[in-house]
C-alpha atoms as a PDB file:
ATOM      1  CA  UNK A   1     -18.494 -23.244  89.667  1.00  0.00           C
ATOM      2  CA  UNK A   2     -21.384 -24.880  91.524  1.00  0.00           C
ATOM      3  CA  UNK A   3     -20.864 -25.832  95.131  1.00  0.00           C
ATOM      4  CA  UNK A   4     -23.101 -28.869  94.852  1.00  0.00           C
ATOM      5  CA  UNK A   5     -25.993 -30.540  93.112  1.00  0.00           C
ATOM      6  CA  UNK A   6     -29.527 -31.630  93.772  1.00  0.00           C
ATOM      7  CA  UNK A   7     -30.092 -35.072  92.281  1.00  0.00           C
ATOM      8  CA  UNK A   8     -33.743 -35.983  91.627  1.00  0.00           C
ATOM      9  CA  UNK A   9     -35.040 -39.330  90.368  1.00  0.00           C
ATOM     10  CA  UNK A  10     -38.610 -39.168  89.079  1.00  0.00           C
ATOM     11  CA  UNK A  11     -40.988 -41.078  86.818  1.00  0.00           C
ATOM     12  CA  UNK A  12     -44.157 -40.373  84.875  1.00  0.00           C
ATOM     13  CA  UNK A  13     -47.356 -41.559  86.556  1.00  0.00           C
ATOM     14  CA  UNK A  14     -47.826 -44.013  83.677  1.00  0.00           C
ATOM     15  CA  UNK A  15     -45.886 -44.853  80.494  1.00  0.00           C
ATOM     16  CA  UNK A  16     -48.579 -43.336  78.274  1.00  0.00           C
ATOM     17  CA  UNK A  17     -48.098 -39.942  80.014  1.00  0.00           C
ATOM     18  CA  UNK A  18     -44.341 -39.702  79.383  1.00  0.00           C
ATOM     19  CA  UNK A  19     -44.648 -36.891  76.823  1.00  0.00           C
ATOM     20  CA  UNK A  20     -46.934 -34.875  79.116  1.00  0.00           C
ATOM     21  CA  UNK A  21     -44.568 -35.473  82.056  1.00  0.00           C
ATOM     22  CA  UNK A  22     -41.519 -34.360  80.035  1.00  0.00           C
ATOM     23  CA  UNK A  23     -43.263 -31.225  78.754  1.00  0.00           C
ATOM     24  CA  UNK A  24     -44.387 -30.206  82.265  1.00  0.00           C
ATOM     25  CA  UNK A  25     -40.971 -30.953  83.769  1.00  0.00           C
ATOM     26  CA  UNK A  26     -39.035 -28.981  81.122  1.00  0.00           C
ATOM     27  CA  UNK A  27     -41.432 -26.063  80.628  1.00  0.00           C
ATOM     28  CA  UNK A  28     -42.882 -25.597  84.126  1.00  0.00           C
ATOM     29  CA  UNK A  29     -41.051 -27.389  86.912  1.00  0.00           C
ATOM     30  CA  UNK A  30     -37.419 -26.730  86.008  1.00  0.00           C
ATOM     31  CA  UNK A  31     -38.012 -22.973  85.495  1.00  0.00           C
ATOM     32  CA  UNK A  32     -39.789 -22.799  88.876  1.00  0.00           C
ATOM     33  CA  UNK A  33     -36.856 -24.483  90.630  1.00  0.00           C
ATOM     34  CA  UNK A  34     -34.277 -22.361  88.804  1.00  0.00           C
ATOM     35  CA  UNK A  35     -36.090 -19.228  90.024  1.00  0.00           C
ATOM     36  CA  UNK A  36     -35.081 -20.141  93.587  1.00  0.00           C
ATOM     37  CA  UNK A  37     -31.970 -18.741  95.232  1.00  0.00           C
ATOM     38  CA  UNK A  38     -28.906 -20.902  94.608  1.00  0.00           C
ATOM     39  CA  UNK A  39     -30.121 -22.961  91.646  1.00  0.00           C
ATOM     40  CA  UNK A  40     -28.154 -22.114  88.508  1.00  0.00           C
ATOM     41  CA  UNK A  41     -28.813 -24.811  85.895  1.00  0.00           C
ATOM     42  CA  UNK A  42     -30.461 -28.170  85.294  1.00  0.00           C
ATOM     43  CA  UNK A  43     -30.144 -31.126  82.986  1.00  0.00           C
ATOM     44  CA  UNK A  44     -32.161 -34.319  82.659  1.00  0.00           C
ATOM     45  CA  UNK A  45     -30.949 -37.813  81.845  1.00  0.00           C
ATOM     46  CA  UNK A  46     -32.926 -40.904  80.915  1.00  0.00           C
ATOM     47  CA  UNK A  47     -31.850 -44.548  81.069  1.00  0.00           C
ATOM     48  CA  UNK A  48     -30.703 -45.959  77.741  1.00  0.00           C
ATOM     49  CA  UNK A  49     -32.873 -49.035  78.115  1.00  0.00           C
ATOM     50  CA  UNK A  50     -35.922 -47.046  79.256  1.00  0.00           C
ATOM     51  CA  UNK A  51     -35.992 -48.936  82.549  1.00  0.00           C
ATOM     52  CA  UNK A  52     -35.669 -46.724  85.581  1.00  0.00           C
ATOM     53  CA  UNK A  53     -36.233 -43.170  86.693  1.00  0.00           C
ATOM     54  CA  UNK A  54     -35.427 -40.008  84.807  1.00  0.00           C
ATOM     55  CA  UNK A  55     -32.639 -38.199  86.637  1.00  0.00           C
ATOM     56  CA  UNK A  56     -32.517 -34.428  86.922  1.00  0.00           C
ATOM     57  CA  UNK A  57     -29.303 -32.789  88.092  1.00  0.00           C
ATOM     58  CA  UNK A  58     -29.636 -29.234  89.357  1.00  0.00           C
ATOM     59  CA  UNK A  59     -26.368 -27.325  89.789  1.00  0.00           C
ATOM     60  CA  UNK A  60     -26.344 -25.363  93.029  1.00  0.00           C
ATOM     61  CA  UNK A  61     -24.112 -22.386  93.758  1.00  0.00           C
ATOM     62  CA  UNK A  62     -24.179 -21.111  97.292  1.00  0.00           C
ATOM     63  CA  UNK A  63     -22.027 -20.932 100.371  1.00  0.00           C
ATOM     64  CA  UNK A  64     -24.760 -22.527 102.501  1.00  0.00           C
ATOM     65  CA  UNK A  65     -26.228 -25.568 100.766  1.00  0.00           C
ATOM     66  CA  UNK A  66     -28.413 -26.208 103.809  1.00  0.00           C
ATOM     67  CA  UNK A  67     -30.086 -22.843 103.267  1.00  0.00           C
ATOM     68  CA  UNK A  68     -30.649 -23.674  99.577  1.00  0.00           C
ATOM     69  CA  UNK A  69     -32.213 -27.024 100.582  1.00  0.00           C
ATOM     70  CA  UNK A  70     -34.411 -25.254 103.145  1.00  0.00           C
ATOM     71  CA  UNK A  71     -35.505 -22.749 100.506  1.00  0.00           C
ATOM     72  CA  UNK A  72     -36.545 -25.581  98.200  1.00  0.00           C
ATOM     73  CA  UNK A  73     -38.533 -27.294 100.969  1.00  0.00           C
ATOM     74  CA  UNK A  74     -40.177 -24.029 101.926  1.00  0.00           C
ATOM     75  CA  UNK A  75     -41.144 -23.293  98.319  1.00  0.00           C
ATOM     76  CA  UNK A  76     -42.704 -26.757  97.986  1.00  0.00           C
ATOM     77  CA  UNK A  77     -44.689 -26.315 101.218  1.00  0.00           C
ATOM     78  CA  UNK A  78     -45.810 -22.781 100.366  1.00  0.00           C
ATOM     79  CA  UNK A  79     -47.245 -23.555  96.934  1.00  0.00           C
ATOM     80  CA  UNK A  80     -44.463 -22.046  94.809  1.00  0.00           C
ATOM     81  CA  UNK A  81     -44.513 -25.047  92.474  1.00  0.00           C
ATOM     82  CA  UNK A  82     -47.113 -26.050  89.920  1.00  0.00           C
ATOM     83  CA  UNK A  83     -47.499 -29.817  90.305  1.00  0.00           C
ATOM     84  CA  UNK A  84     -48.705 -32.220  87.637  1.00  0.00           C
ATOM     85  CA  UNK A  85     -50.456 -35.532  88.102  1.00  0.00           C
ATOM     86  CA  UNK A  86     -48.306 -36.767  85.217  1.00  0.00           C
ATOM     87  CA  UNK A  87     -45.517 -37.266  87.802  1.00  0.00           C
ATOM     88  CA  UNK A  88     -45.577 -40.429  89.886  1.00  0.00           C
ATOM     89  CA  UNK A  89     -46.001 -39.633  93.582  1.00  0.00           C
ATOM     90  CA  UNK A  90     -46.259 -43.169  94.997  1.00  0.00           C
ATOM     91  CA  UNK A  91     -43.449 -43.631  95.624  1.00  0.00           C
ATOM     92  CA  UNK A  92     -42.457 -39.977  95.477  1.00  0.00           C
ATOM     93  CA  UNK A  93     -39.397 -38.740  93.604  1.00  0.00           C
ATOM     94  CA  UNK A  94     -36.092 -39.429  95.359  1.00  0.00           C
ATOM     95  CA  UNK A  95     -34.032 -36.314  96.105  1.00  0.00           C
ATOM     96  CA  UNK A  96     -30.494 -35.865  97.416  1.00  0.00           C
ATOM     97  CA  UNK A  97     -28.398 -32.759  97.915  1.00  0.00           C
ATOM     98  CA  UNK A  98     -24.701 -33.463  97.349  1.00  0.00           C
ATOM     99  CA  UNK A  99     -21.817 -31.103  98.033  1.00  0.00           C
ATOM    100  CA  UNK A 100     -18.505 -30.904  96.244  1.00  0.00           C
ATOM    101  CA  UNK A 101     -15.565 -32.569  97.878  1.00  0.00           C
ATOM    102  CA  UNK A 102     -12.416 -30.530  98.452  1.00  0.00           C
ATOM    103  CA  UNK A 103      -9.981 -30.479  95.554  1.00  0.00           C
ATOM    104  CA  UNK A 104      -6.829 -32.579  95.918  1.00  0.00           C
END
Protein backbone atom coordinates (compact mmCIF):
# COMPACT_ATOMS: atom_id res chain seq x y z
CA UNK A 1 0.00 0.00 0.00
CA UNK A 2 1.38 3.44 -0.85
CA UNK A 3 2.80 5.52 1.95
CA UNK A 4 1.65 8.77 0.38
CA UNK A 5 0.76 10.64 -2.76
CA UNK A 6 2.02 13.44 -4.92
CA UNK A 7 -0.88 15.65 -5.95
CA UNK A 8 -0.27 17.79 -9.06
CA UNK A 9 -2.65 20.38 -10.51
CA UNK A 10 -1.78 21.39 -14.07
CA UNK A 11 -3.39 22.96 -17.13
CA UNK A 12 -2.76 23.07 -20.86
CA UNK A 13 -1.06 26.24 -22.10
CA UNK A 14 -4.24 27.04 -24.05
CA UNK A 15 -7.63 25.34 -24.52
CA UNK A 16 -6.86 24.48 -28.15
CA UNK A 17 -3.80 22.45 -27.02
CA UNK A 18 -5.69 20.20 -24.58
CA UNK A 19 -5.35 17.07 -26.74
CA UNK A 20 -1.61 17.65 -27.22
CA UNK A 21 -1.19 18.29 -23.48
CA UNK A 22 -3.08 15.09 -22.56
CA UNK A 23 -1.10 12.98 -25.03
CA UNK A 24 2.25 14.30 -23.75
CA UNK A 25 1.21 13.91 -20.11
CA UNK A 26 -0.03 10.32 -20.53
CA UNK A 27 2.59 9.02 -22.97
CA UNK A 28 5.72 10.92 -21.89
CA UNK A 29 5.51 12.65 -18.53
CA UNK A 30 3.77 10.02 -16.40
CA UNK A 31 6.13 7.22 -17.57
CA UNK A 32 9.14 9.44 -16.78
CA UNK A 33 7.87 10.10 -13.25
CA UNK A 34 6.96 6.45 -12.67
CA UNK A 35 10.53 5.48 -13.60
CA UNK A 36 11.74 7.28 -10.46
CA UNK A 37 12.30 5.47 -7.18
CA UNK A 38 9.18 5.38 -5.02
CA UNK A 39 6.53 6.20 -7.63
CA UNK A 40 4.24 3.22 -8.22
CA UNK A 41 1.16 4.42 -10.11
CA UNK A 42 -0.66 7.48 -11.41
CA UNK A 43 -4.15 8.54 -12.34
CA UNK A 44 -5.52 11.78 -13.76
CA UNK A 45 -8.81 13.49 -13.00
CA UNK A 46 -10.52 16.36 -14.78
CA UNK A 47 -13.24 18.68 -13.49
CA UNK A 48 -16.73 17.72 -14.59
CA UNK A 49 -17.53 21.26 -15.69
CA UNK A 50 -14.19 21.71 -17.49
CA UNK A 51 -13.31 24.64 -15.25
CA UNK A 52 -10.13 24.16 -13.29
CA UNK A 53 -6.90 22.23 -13.37
CA UNK A 54 -6.40 18.61 -14.29
CA UNK A 55 -5.31 16.72 -11.18
CA UNK A 56 -2.76 13.93 -11.29
CA UNK A 57 -2.38 11.68 -8.26
CA UNK A 58 0.84 9.71 -8.07
CA UNK A 59 0.91 6.90 -5.50
CA UNK A 60 4.19 6.84 -3.62
CA UNK A 61 5.58 3.84 -1.75
CA UNK A 62 8.65 4.48 0.32
CA UNK A 63 9.75 4.69 3.91
CA UNK A 64 11.26 8.15 3.35
CA UNK A 65 8.86 10.39 1.44
CA UNK A 66 11.31 13.27 1.78
CA UNK A 67 13.87 11.27 -0.18
CA UNK A 68 11.27 10.52 -2.89
CA UNK A 69 10.43 14.26 -3.09
CA UNK A 70 14.15 15.10 -3.31
CA UNK A 71 14.58 12.54 -6.09
CA UNK A 72 11.77 14.16 -8.06
CA UNK A 73 13.28 17.64 -7.63
CA UNK A 74 16.70 16.37 -8.61
CA UNK A 75 15.34 14.67 -11.73
CA UNK A 76 13.58 17.89 -12.77
CA UNK A 77 16.77 19.94 -12.27
CA UNK A 78 19.00 17.41 -14.03
CA UNK A 79 16.98 17.15 -17.24
CA UNK A 80 15.40 13.74 -16.63
CA UNK A 81 12.02 15.00 -17.85
CA UNK A 82 10.92 15.86 -21.36
CA UNK A 83 8.91 19.07 -21.02
CA UNK A 84 6.22 20.28 -23.40
CA UNK A 85 5.14 23.83 -24.10
CA UNK A 86 1.60 22.46 -24.18
CA UNK A 87 1.67 22.66 -20.35
CA UNK A 88 0.97 26.02 -18.74
CA UNK A 89 3.99 27.26 -16.78
CA UNK A 90 2.71 30.70 -15.71
CA UNK A 91 1.57 29.99 -13.12
CA UNK A 92 3.40 26.68 -12.83
CA UNK A 93 1.67 23.45 -11.82
CA UNK A 94 0.88 23.18 -8.11
CA UNK A 95 2.45 20.17 -6.38
CA UNK A 96 2.00 18.73 -2.90
CA UNK A 97 3.40 15.60 -1.30
CA UNK A 98 0.96 14.12 1.23
CA UNK A 99 1.65 11.27 3.62
CA UNK A 100 -0.80 8.74 4.98
CA UNK A 101 -2.14 9.34 8.44
CA UNK A 102 -1.85 6.55 11.00
CA UNK A 103 -4.70 4.06 10.99
CA UNK A 104 -7.21 4.31 13.85
